[in-house]
Amino acid sequence: MFKKYIVKMEKVIKQLGCEVRGIDLKVESRPEIIHQIKKDVIEHRLLIFKDQGIISGNRHVEISKWFGELESTFYKHPKSPHPDVFRVSNDENEGCTGVGRSGWHIDGTFQPAPFAYSLYHMASVPKEGATLFVPLTELIESLDKKTYEWWNQAWMESDRRSGPIHPLIYRHPQSGKKVLCFHLGMTSNFIWNYKQPSQKVATDEECQQLFNSIYNEINQDNGKYIYEHKWEAGDFIISDNLGVGHFAHSSTQAPTSEVGLRVLHRTTVKGTIPPKK
């Protein structure tokens, strides 16, 4: 559906996301427009605003605050344009390197409530260096009964010391749809049937089997649910972090001599409702 505040809004893929044109985030301030954007992010989970030019760190933070309180990253880089902006790159002199490469995930699983939204802006666009996204509700709905019941018994334990324990499958606090709280690279263990009489800590073998299962389901049928975003100058993405998993393509760390400089700015909005069954 075309929205009244947008010149053009097109689905990226059938399951996930819209590409948005005709709105300038650098100056937009109308309450009714902001309200509609917030609704659309929950509906479509990924809004890709095109042709935005360069958005300053201060403005990036202002846009992010439309959605709530920011959760400042614990990673800091001296070239970040704002203390609340996480700056990542394929050059350690320009930003934090290796980010997003440890496995499919949502952001902030180490928090009592994972981040509600993630907002991205590519400040320097390389020839390659895509970000991959996957819709979590459709992924869950594609599971056979046995696999769903297996996943639904699992709770993930963050790799941070004394970190939180979250159900792998739970309902999104706003949409009510089933989603995943997961990080294939930052999970110390799984617990079966947490806080139930049958509670049991998963063995290393069981953990690896579950990791493999999630990875394989995401990549089923040549990744039919995966959207590969190939960044263009002026792209600004607002993501429903709880509804969309993501992963940085290996080319995001290709040397600048091969692909050019990649600089991505990201903010994250604090979650307010912990995942629960």
Protein backbone atom coordinates (compact mmCIF):
# COMPACT_ATOMS: atom_id res chain seq x y z
CA MET A 1 0.00 0.00 0.00
CA PHE A 2 1.24 3.49 -0.80
CA LYS A 3 1.35 5.83 2.18
CA LYS A 4 0.15 9.41 1.95
CA TYR A 5 3.46 10.79 3.23
CA ILE A 6 5.56 8.98 0.65
CA VAL A 7 6.06 9.55 -3.04
CA LYS A 8 6.94 5.91 -3.60
CA MET A 9 7.03 2.87 -1.31
CA GLU A 10 7.91 -0.53 -2.73
CA LYS A 11 8.28 -3.96 -1.16
CA VAL A 12 11.87 -5.16 -1.07
CA ILE A 13 10.93 -8.84 -0.99
CA LYS A 14 7.54 -10.46 -0.44
CA GLN A 15 8.16 -11.24 3.23
CA LEU A 16 10.15 -8.26 4.37
CA GLY A 17 10.75 -4.57 4.03
CA CYS A 18 9.87 -1.52 2.00
CA GLU A 19 12.01 0.83 -0.02
CA VAL A 20 10.96 4.42 0.66
CA ARG A 21 11.44 7.45 -1.59
CA GLY A 22 10.18 11.00 -1.44
CA ILE A 23 10.91 11.92 2.16
CA ASP A 24 13.94 13.80 3.51
CA LEU A 25 14.96 12.49 6.92
CA LYS A 26 17.46 15.32 7.36
CA VAL A 27 14.64 17.81 7.89
CA GLU A 28 11.46 15.82 8.60
CA SER A 29 9.79 16.84 11.86
CA ARG A 30 6.01 16.65 11.37
CA PRO A 31 4.47 14.62 14.23
CA GLU A 32 1.96 12.89 11.97
CA ILE A 33 4.72 11.75 9.61
CA ILE A 34 6.90 10.47 12.45
CA HIS A 35 3.90 8.62 13.87
CA GLN A 36 3.25 6.95 10.51
CA ILE A 37 6.89 5.96 10.09
CA LYS A 38 6.85 4.33 13.53
CA LYS A 39 3.75 2.34 12.56
CA ASP A 40 5.28 1.31 9.26
CA VAL A 41 8.48 0.03 10.85
CA ILE A 42 6.45 -2.44 12.92
CA GLU A 43 4.34 -3.44 9.92
CA HIS A 44 7.16 -3.88 7.40
CA ARG A 45 10.07 -4.41 9.86
CA LEU A 46 12.59 -2.81 7.53
CA LEU A 47 12.27 0.68 6.00
CA ILE A 48 15.00 1.58 3.52
CA PHE A 49 15.01 5.32 2.92
CA LYS A 50 16.73 6.12 -0.36
CA ASP A 51 18.59 9.22 -1.57
CA GLN A 52 19.15 10.73 1.88
CA GLY A 53 22.64 12.08 1.20
CA ILE A 54 24.91 12.25 4.25
CA ILE A 55 23.09 12.30 7.58
CA SER A 56 25.11 13.81 10.43
CA GLY A 57 25.71 11.97 13.68
CA ASN A 58 23.55 14.46 15.57
CA ARG A 59 20.66 14.03 13.14
CA HIS A 60 21.04 10.26 13.19
CA VAL A 61 20.58 10.40 16.96
CA GLU A 62 17.59 12.76 16.67
CA ILE A 63 15.83 10.36 14.30
CA SER A 64 16.61 7.45 16.60
CA LYS A 65 14.99 9.23 19.55
CA TRP A 66 11.66 9.15 17.70
CA PHE A 67 11.57 5.52 18.83
CA GLY A 68 12.72 5.84 22.43
CA GLU A 69 15.79 6.12 24.61
CA LEU A 70 19.09 5.24 22.99
CA GLU A 71 21.26 2.45 24.37
CA SER A 72 24.79 3.67 23.77
CA THR A 73 27.15 1.03 22.47
CA PHE A 74 29.98 -0.10 24.70
CA TYR A 75 32.23 0.00 21.62
CA LYS A 76 33.64 3.46 21.04
CA HIS A 77 35.73 4.72 18.16
CA PRO A 78 37.47 8.09 18.10
CA LYS A 79 36.06 8.92 14.65
CA SER A 80 32.44 8.33 15.64
CA PRO A 81 30.39 11.45 14.83
CA HIS A 82 28.46 11.17 18.13
CA PRO A 83 28.92 9.23 21.41
CA ASP A 84 25.70 7.30 20.71
CA VAL A 85 26.68 6.34 17.16
CA PHE A 86 28.48 3.03 16.68
CA ARG A 87 30.97 3.43 13.84
CA VAL A 88 32.06 0.26 12.02
CA SER A 89 34.43 -0.16 9.11
CA ASN A 90 36.77 -2.40 7.16
CA ASP A 91 39.65 -0.18 8.34
CA GLU A 92 40.43 -0.15 12.07
CA ASN A 93 41.61 3.46 11.77
CA GLU A 94 38.13 4.45 10.58
CA GLY A 95 35.85 2.32 12.73
CA CYS A 96 35.43 -0.92 14.67
CA THR A 97 36.18 -3.95 12.50
CA GLY A 98 34.76 -7.47 12.34
CA VAL A 99 31.33 -6.31 13.53
CA GLY A 100 28.31 -8.51 12.81
CA ARG A 101 30.38 -11.40 11.46
CA SER A 102 30.09 -13.88 14.35
CA GLY A 103 26.71 -15.25 13.26
CA TRP A 104 23.05 -14.45 12.54
CA HIS A 105 21.54 -12.47 15.41
CA ILE A 106 19.41 -9.65 16.71
CA ASP A 107 21.15 -6.79 18.54
CA GLY A 108 21.33 -6.60 22.32
CA THR A 109 20.63 -10.18 23.42
CA PHE A 110 23.00 -9.51 26.34
CA GLN A 111 20.52 -6.95 27.73
CA PRO A 112 17.49 -7.75 29.93
CA ALA A 113 15.43 -6.49 26.97
CA PRO A 114 17.15 -6.63 23.55
CA PHE A 115 17.27 -3.42 21.54
CA ALA A 116 13.92 -2.44 20.08
CA TYR A 117 15.23 -0.78 16.92
CA SER A 118 18.47 -0.46 14.99
CA LEU A 119 19.09 2.46 12.62
CA TYR A 120 21.83 2.30 10.00
CA HIS A 121 23.47 4.82 7.68
CA MET A 122 26.31 4.05 5.30
CA ALA A 123 28.60 7.07 5.53
CA SER A 124 31.14 5.66 3.06
CA VAL A 125 29.86 3.13 0.52
CA PRO A 126 32.24 0.41 -0.70
CA LYS A 127 31.95 -1.57 -3.93
CA GLU A 128 30.91 -4.58 -1.86
CA GLY A 129 29.84 -5.16 1.74
CA ALA A 130 26.19 -6.17 1.96
CA THR A 131 24.07 -6.61 5.09
CA LEU A 132 21.78 -9.66 5.13
CA PHE A 133 18.36 -9.61 6.79
CA VAL A 134 15.84 -12.38 7.51
CA PRO A 135 12.19 -12.07 8.71
CA LEU A 136 11.88 -14.04 11.92
CA THR A 137 8.13 -14.68 11.95
CA GLU A 138 8.16 -16.30 8.51
CA LEU A 139 11.20 -18.34 9.52
CA ILE A 140 9.36 -19.73 12.54
CA GLU A 141 6.21 -20.39 10.51
CA SER A 142 8.25 -22.41 8.00
CA LEU A 143 9.39 -24.93 10.64
CA ASP A 144 7.99 -28.43 10.73
CA LYS A 145 6.19 -29.39 13.95
CA LYS A 146 9.08 -31.36 15.42
CA THR A 147 11.62 -28.61 14.83
CA TYR A 148 9.28 -25.93 16.19
CA GLU A 149 8.64 -27.90 19.40
CA TRP A 150 12.41 -28.42 19.81
CA TRP A 151 13.21 -24.72 19.38
CA ASN A 152 10.29 -23.72 21.57
CA GLN A 153 11.79 -25.57 24.56
CA ALA A 154 15.07 -23.66 24.31
CA TRP A 155 16.17 -20.58 26.23
CA MET A 156 19.38 -18.78 25.29
CA GLU A 157 21.95 -17.71 27.83
CA SER A 158 24.04 -14.68 26.86
CA ASP A 159 27.81 -15.06 26.68
CA ARG A 160 28.20 -12.13 29.08
CA ARG A 161 28.96 -13.01 32.69
CA SER A 162 25.70 -13.17 34.65
CA GLY A 163 23.88 -12.21 31.47
CA PRO A 164 20.13 -12.68 30.98
CA ILE A 165 18.36 -15.86 29.92
CA HIS A 166 15.81 -15.39 27.13
CA PRO A 167 13.31 -17.74 25.45
CA LEU A 168 14.42 -18.58 21.92
CA ILE A 169 10.84 -18.22 20.63
CA TYR A 170 8.53 -15.58 22.10
CA ARG A 171 5.97 -13.01 20.97
CA HIS A 172 6.98 -9.58 19.73
CA PRO A 173 5.85 -7.02 22.36
CA GLN A 174 4.17 -4.78 19.75
CA SER A 175 3.06 -6.95 16.84
CA GLY A 176 2.28 -10.03 18.93
CA LYS A 177 3.87 -12.23 16.25
CA LYS A 178 6.29 -15.01 17.09
CA VAL A 179 9.96 -14.01 16.80
CA LEU A 180 13.39 -15.23 17.91
CA CYS A 181 15.75 -13.93 20.57
CA PHE A 182 19.02 -15.36 19.28
CA HIS A 183 22.67 -14.76 18.55
CA LEU A 184 24.58 -17.56 16.84
CA GLY A 185 27.90 -16.03 17.84
CA MET A 186 27.25 -14.72 21.35
CA THR A 187 25.41 -17.43 23.26
CA SER A 188 27.14 -19.29 26.07
CA ASN A 189 24.56 -22.06 26.38
CA PHE A 190 20.96 -23.14 25.95
CA ILE A 191 18.65 -24.29 28.72
CA TRP A 192 15.75 -26.60 28.00
CA ASN A 193 12.40 -25.69 29.63
CA TYR A 194 13.82 -22.94 31.82
CA LYS A 195 12.14 -22.61 35.25
CA GLN A 196 10.08 -25.75 34.61
CA PRO A 197 10.35 -29.04 36.51
CA SER A 198 12.04 -30.54 33.45
CA GLN A 199 14.71 -27.81 33.23
CA LYS A 200 18.03 -29.07 31.92
CA VAL A 201 21.20 -27.42 30.66
CA ALA A 202 21.95 -28.37 27.08
CA THR A 203 25.09 -30.36 26.36
CA ASP A 204 27.75 -28.94 24.04
CA GLU A 205 26.55 -31.33 21.37
CA GLU A 206 22.93 -30.22 21.79
CA CYS A 207 23.97 -26.58 21.61
CA GLN A 208 25.83 -27.16 18.37
CA GLN A 209 22.89 -29.07 16.93
CA LEU A 210 20.57 -26.17 17.72
CA PHE A 211 23.00 -23.61 16.28
CA ASN A 212 23.23 -25.70 13.11
CA SER A 213 19.46 -26.07 12.91
CA ILE A 214 18.86 -22.31 13.13
CA TYR A 215 21.58 -21.61 10.57
CA ASN A 216 20.26 -24.25 8.17
CA GLU A 217 16.66 -23.06 8.45
CA ILE A 218 17.71 -19.48 7.67
CA ASN A 219 19.59 -20.72 4.60
CA GLN A 220 16.91 -23.16 3.45
CA ASP A 221 16.12 -23.28 -0.27
CA ASN A 222 19.12 -21.10 -1.14
CA GLY A 223 18.14 -18.52 1.45
CA LYS A 224 14.66 -17.81 0.08
CA TYR A 225 13.79 -15.66 3.11
CA ILE A 226 17.06 -13.71 3.10
CA TYR A 227 17.17 -10.15 1.82
CA GLU A 228 20.67 -9.04 0.82
CA HIS A 229 20.92 -5.27 1.06
CA LYS A 230 23.55 -3.90 -1.29
CA TRP A 231 24.24 -0.44 0.04
CA GLU A 232 23.97 2.65 -2.14
CA ALA A 233 24.97 6.22 -1.35
CA GLY A 234 22.29 7.93 0.73
CA ASP A 235 20.72 4.77 2.18
CA PHE A 236 19.29 5.02 5.70
CA ILE A 237 17.64 1.93 7.24
CA ILE A 238 15.27 1.78 10.19
CA SER A 239 14.90 -1.79 11.42
CA ASP A 240 12.54 -3.46 13.86
CA ASN A 241 15.40 -5.25 15.59
CA LEU A 242 13.07 -7.73 17.33
CA GLY A 243 11.42 -8.81 14.09
CA VAL A 244 14.46 -9.10 11.82
CA GLY A 245 17.65 -11.11 12.15
CA HIS A 246 20.77 -9.84 10.42
CA PHE A 247 24.30 -10.80 9.50
CA ALA A 248 27.22 -8.94 7.91
CA HIS A 249 28.42 -10.46 4.64
CA SER A 250 32.07 -11.56 4.56
CA SER A 251 32.79 -8.79 2.04
CA THR A 252 32.16 -6.19 4.76
CA GLN A 253 35.70 -6.90 5.92
CA ALA A 254 37.34 -6.97 2.49
CA PRO A 255 40.40 -4.68 2.39
CA THR A 256 39.98 -1.11 1.25
CA SER A 257 42.42 -1.80 -1.58
CA GLU A 258 39.85 -4.17 -3.08
CA VAL A 259 36.45 -2.64 -2.29
CA GLY A 260 37.14 0.86 -0.99
CA LEU A 261 36.39 2.29 2.44
CA ARG A 262 33.30 1.03 4.23
CA VAL A 263 31.98 3.16 7.11
CA LEU A 264 28.62 2.29 8.64
CA HIS A 265 26.97 4.29 11.43
CA ARG A 266 24.47 2.53 13.69
CA THR A 267 22.34 3.49 16.65
CA THR A 268 20.26 1.20 18.84
CA VAL A 269 17.11 2.02 20.77
CA LYS A 270 16.73 0.57 24.24
CA GLY A 271 14.27 -2.28 24.66
CA THR A 272 11.70 -1.88 27.43
CA ILE A 273 9.94 -5.27 27.56
CA PRO A 274 12.05 -8.40 28.23
CA PRO A 275 11.24 -11.44 26.06
CA LYS A 276 8.80 -13.77 27.79
CA LYS A 277 6.65 -16.74 27.02
